[in-house]
Amino acid sequence: MTKPHVGSSLDDFLAEDAMLQEVTAIAVKRVIAWQIQEEMASQKLTKTAMAKRCIRVVLH
């Protein structure tokens, strides 16, 4: 069986340049933002309505 890929992985490359944590954090933030956006669309919520809900949760 031959290797389909030659060389290091993207994670290895980023780790060598000490960028893995930063890139991972950015990716996680983008996924969370996308999930929130999708849920807001499914519930037909505006940004203002979502912000009001978030404030209520934080204050209680």
C-alpha atoms as a PDB file:
ATOM      1  CA  MET A   1       0.000   0.000   0.000  1.00  0.00           C
ATOM      2  CA  THR A   2       1.392   3.393  -0.936  1.00  0.00           C
ATOM      3  CA  LYS A   3       0.893   6.642   0.905  1.00  0.00           C
ATOM      4  CA  PRO A   4      -1.637   8.871  -0.855  1.00  0.00           C
ATOM      5  CA  HIS A   5      -0.001  12.002   0.565  1.00  0.00           C
ATOM      6  CA  VAL A   6       3.634  12.908   0.872  1.00  0.00           C
ATOM      7  CA  GLY A   7       4.920  15.354   3.452  1.00  0.00           C
ATOM      8  CA  SER A   8       3.605  16.714   6.681  1.00  0.00           C
ATOM      9  CA  SER A   9       0.022  17.570   7.521  1.00  0.00           C
ATOM     10  CA  LEU A  10      -1.310  21.097   7.727  1.00  0.00           C
ATOM     11  CA  ASP A  11      -1.452  20.735  11.522  1.00  0.00           C
ATOM     12  CA  ASP A  12       2.243  19.807  11.580  1.00  0.00           C
ATOM     13  CA  PHE A  13       3.100  22.798   9.399  1.00  0.00           C
ATOM     14  CA  LEU A  14       1.124  25.206  11.574  1.00  0.00           C
ATOM     15  CA  ALA A  15       2.590  23.728  14.758  1.00  0.00           C
ATOM     16  CA  GLU A  16       6.107  24.269  13.417  1.00  0.00           C
ATOM     17  CA  ASP A  17       5.300  27.945  12.885  1.00  0.00           C
ATOM     18  CA  ALA A  18       3.581  28.176  16.312  1.00  0.00           C
ATOM     19  CA  MET A  19       0.325  29.108  14.596  1.00  0.00           C
ATOM     20  CA  LEU A  20      -1.755  25.998  15.304  1.00  0.00           C
ATOM     21  CA  GLN A  21      -3.519  27.368  18.402  1.00  0.00           C
ATOM     22  CA  GLU A  22      -4.297  30.699  16.761  1.00  0.00           C
ATOM     23  CA  VAL A  23      -5.674  29.122  13.585  1.00  0.00           C
ATOM     24  CA  THR A  24      -7.696  26.593  15.592  1.00  0.00           C
ATOM     25  CA  ALA A  25      -9.213  29.365  17.742  1.00  0.00           C
ATOM     26  CA  ILE A  26     -10.205  31.342  14.646  1.00  0.00           C
ATOM     27  CA  ALA A  27     -11.792  28.258  13.080  1.00  0.00           C
ATOM     28  CA  VAL A  28     -13.764  27.470  16.249  1.00  0.00           C
ATOM     29  CA  LYS A  29     -15.044  31.057  16.470  1.00  0.00           C
ATOM     30  CA  ARG A  30     -16.165  30.959  12.843  1.00  0.00           C
ATOM     31  CA  VAL A  31     -18.025  27.687  13.338  1.00  0.00           C
ATOM     32  CA  ILE A  32     -19.788  28.996  16.450  1.00  0.00           C
ATOM     33  CA  ALA A  33     -20.754  32.214  14.627  1.00  0.00           C
ATOM     34  CA  TRP A  34     -22.104  30.178  11.700  1.00  0.00           C
ATOM     35  CA  GLN A  35     -24.125  27.945  14.046  1.00  0.00           C
ATOM     36  CA  ILE A  36     -25.621  30.980  15.789  1.00  0.00           C
ATOM     37  CA  GLN A  37     -26.450  32.571  12.435  1.00  0.00           C
ATOM     38  CA  GLU A  38     -28.153  29.380  11.237  1.00  0.00           C
ATOM     39  CA  GLU A  39     -30.197  29.088  14.439  1.00  0.00           C
ATOM     40  CA  MET A  40     -31.193  32.759  14.273  1.00  0.00           C
ATOM     41  CA  ALA A  41     -32.398  32.223  10.699  1.00  0.00           C
ATOM     42  CA  SER A  42     -34.384  29.135  11.642  1.00  0.00           C
ATOM     43  CA  GLN A  43     -36.080  31.031  14.489  1.00  0.00           C
ATOM     44  CA  LYS A  44     -36.426  34.201  12.379  1.00  0.00           C
ATOM     45  CA  LEU A  45     -34.535  36.253  14.967  1.00  0.00           C
ATOM     46  CA  THR A  46     -32.918  39.597  14.239  1.00  0.00           C
ATOM     47  CA  LYS A  47     -29.570  40.533  15.739  1.00  0.00           C
ATOM     48  CA  THR A  48     -31.390  42.895  18.102  1.00  0.00           C
ATOM     49  CA  ALA A  49     -33.763  40.177  19.314  1.00  0.00           C
ATOM     50  CA  MET A  50     -30.855  37.783  19.790  1.00  0.00           C
ATOM     51  CA  ALA A  51     -28.911  40.399  21.754  1.00  0.00           C
ATOM     52  CA  LYS A  52     -31.896  40.987  24.030  1.00  0.00           C
ATOM     53  CA  ARG A  53     -32.153  37.253  24.715  1.00  0.00           C
ATOM     54  CA  CYS A  54     -28.437  37.063  25.486  1.00  0.00           C
ATOM     55  CA  ILE A  55     -28.654  39.994  27.903  1.00  0.00           C
ATOM     56  CA  ARG A  56     -31.590  38.374  29.712  1.00  0.00           C
ATOM     57  CA  VAL A  57     -29.602  35.156  30.140  1.00  0.00           C
ATOM     58  CA  VAL A  58     -26.543  36.977  31.458  1.00  0.00           C
ATOM     59  CA  LEU A  59     -28.515  39.118  33.908  1.00  0.00           C
ATOM     60  CA  HIS A  60     -30.519  36.247  35.388  1.00  0.00           C
END
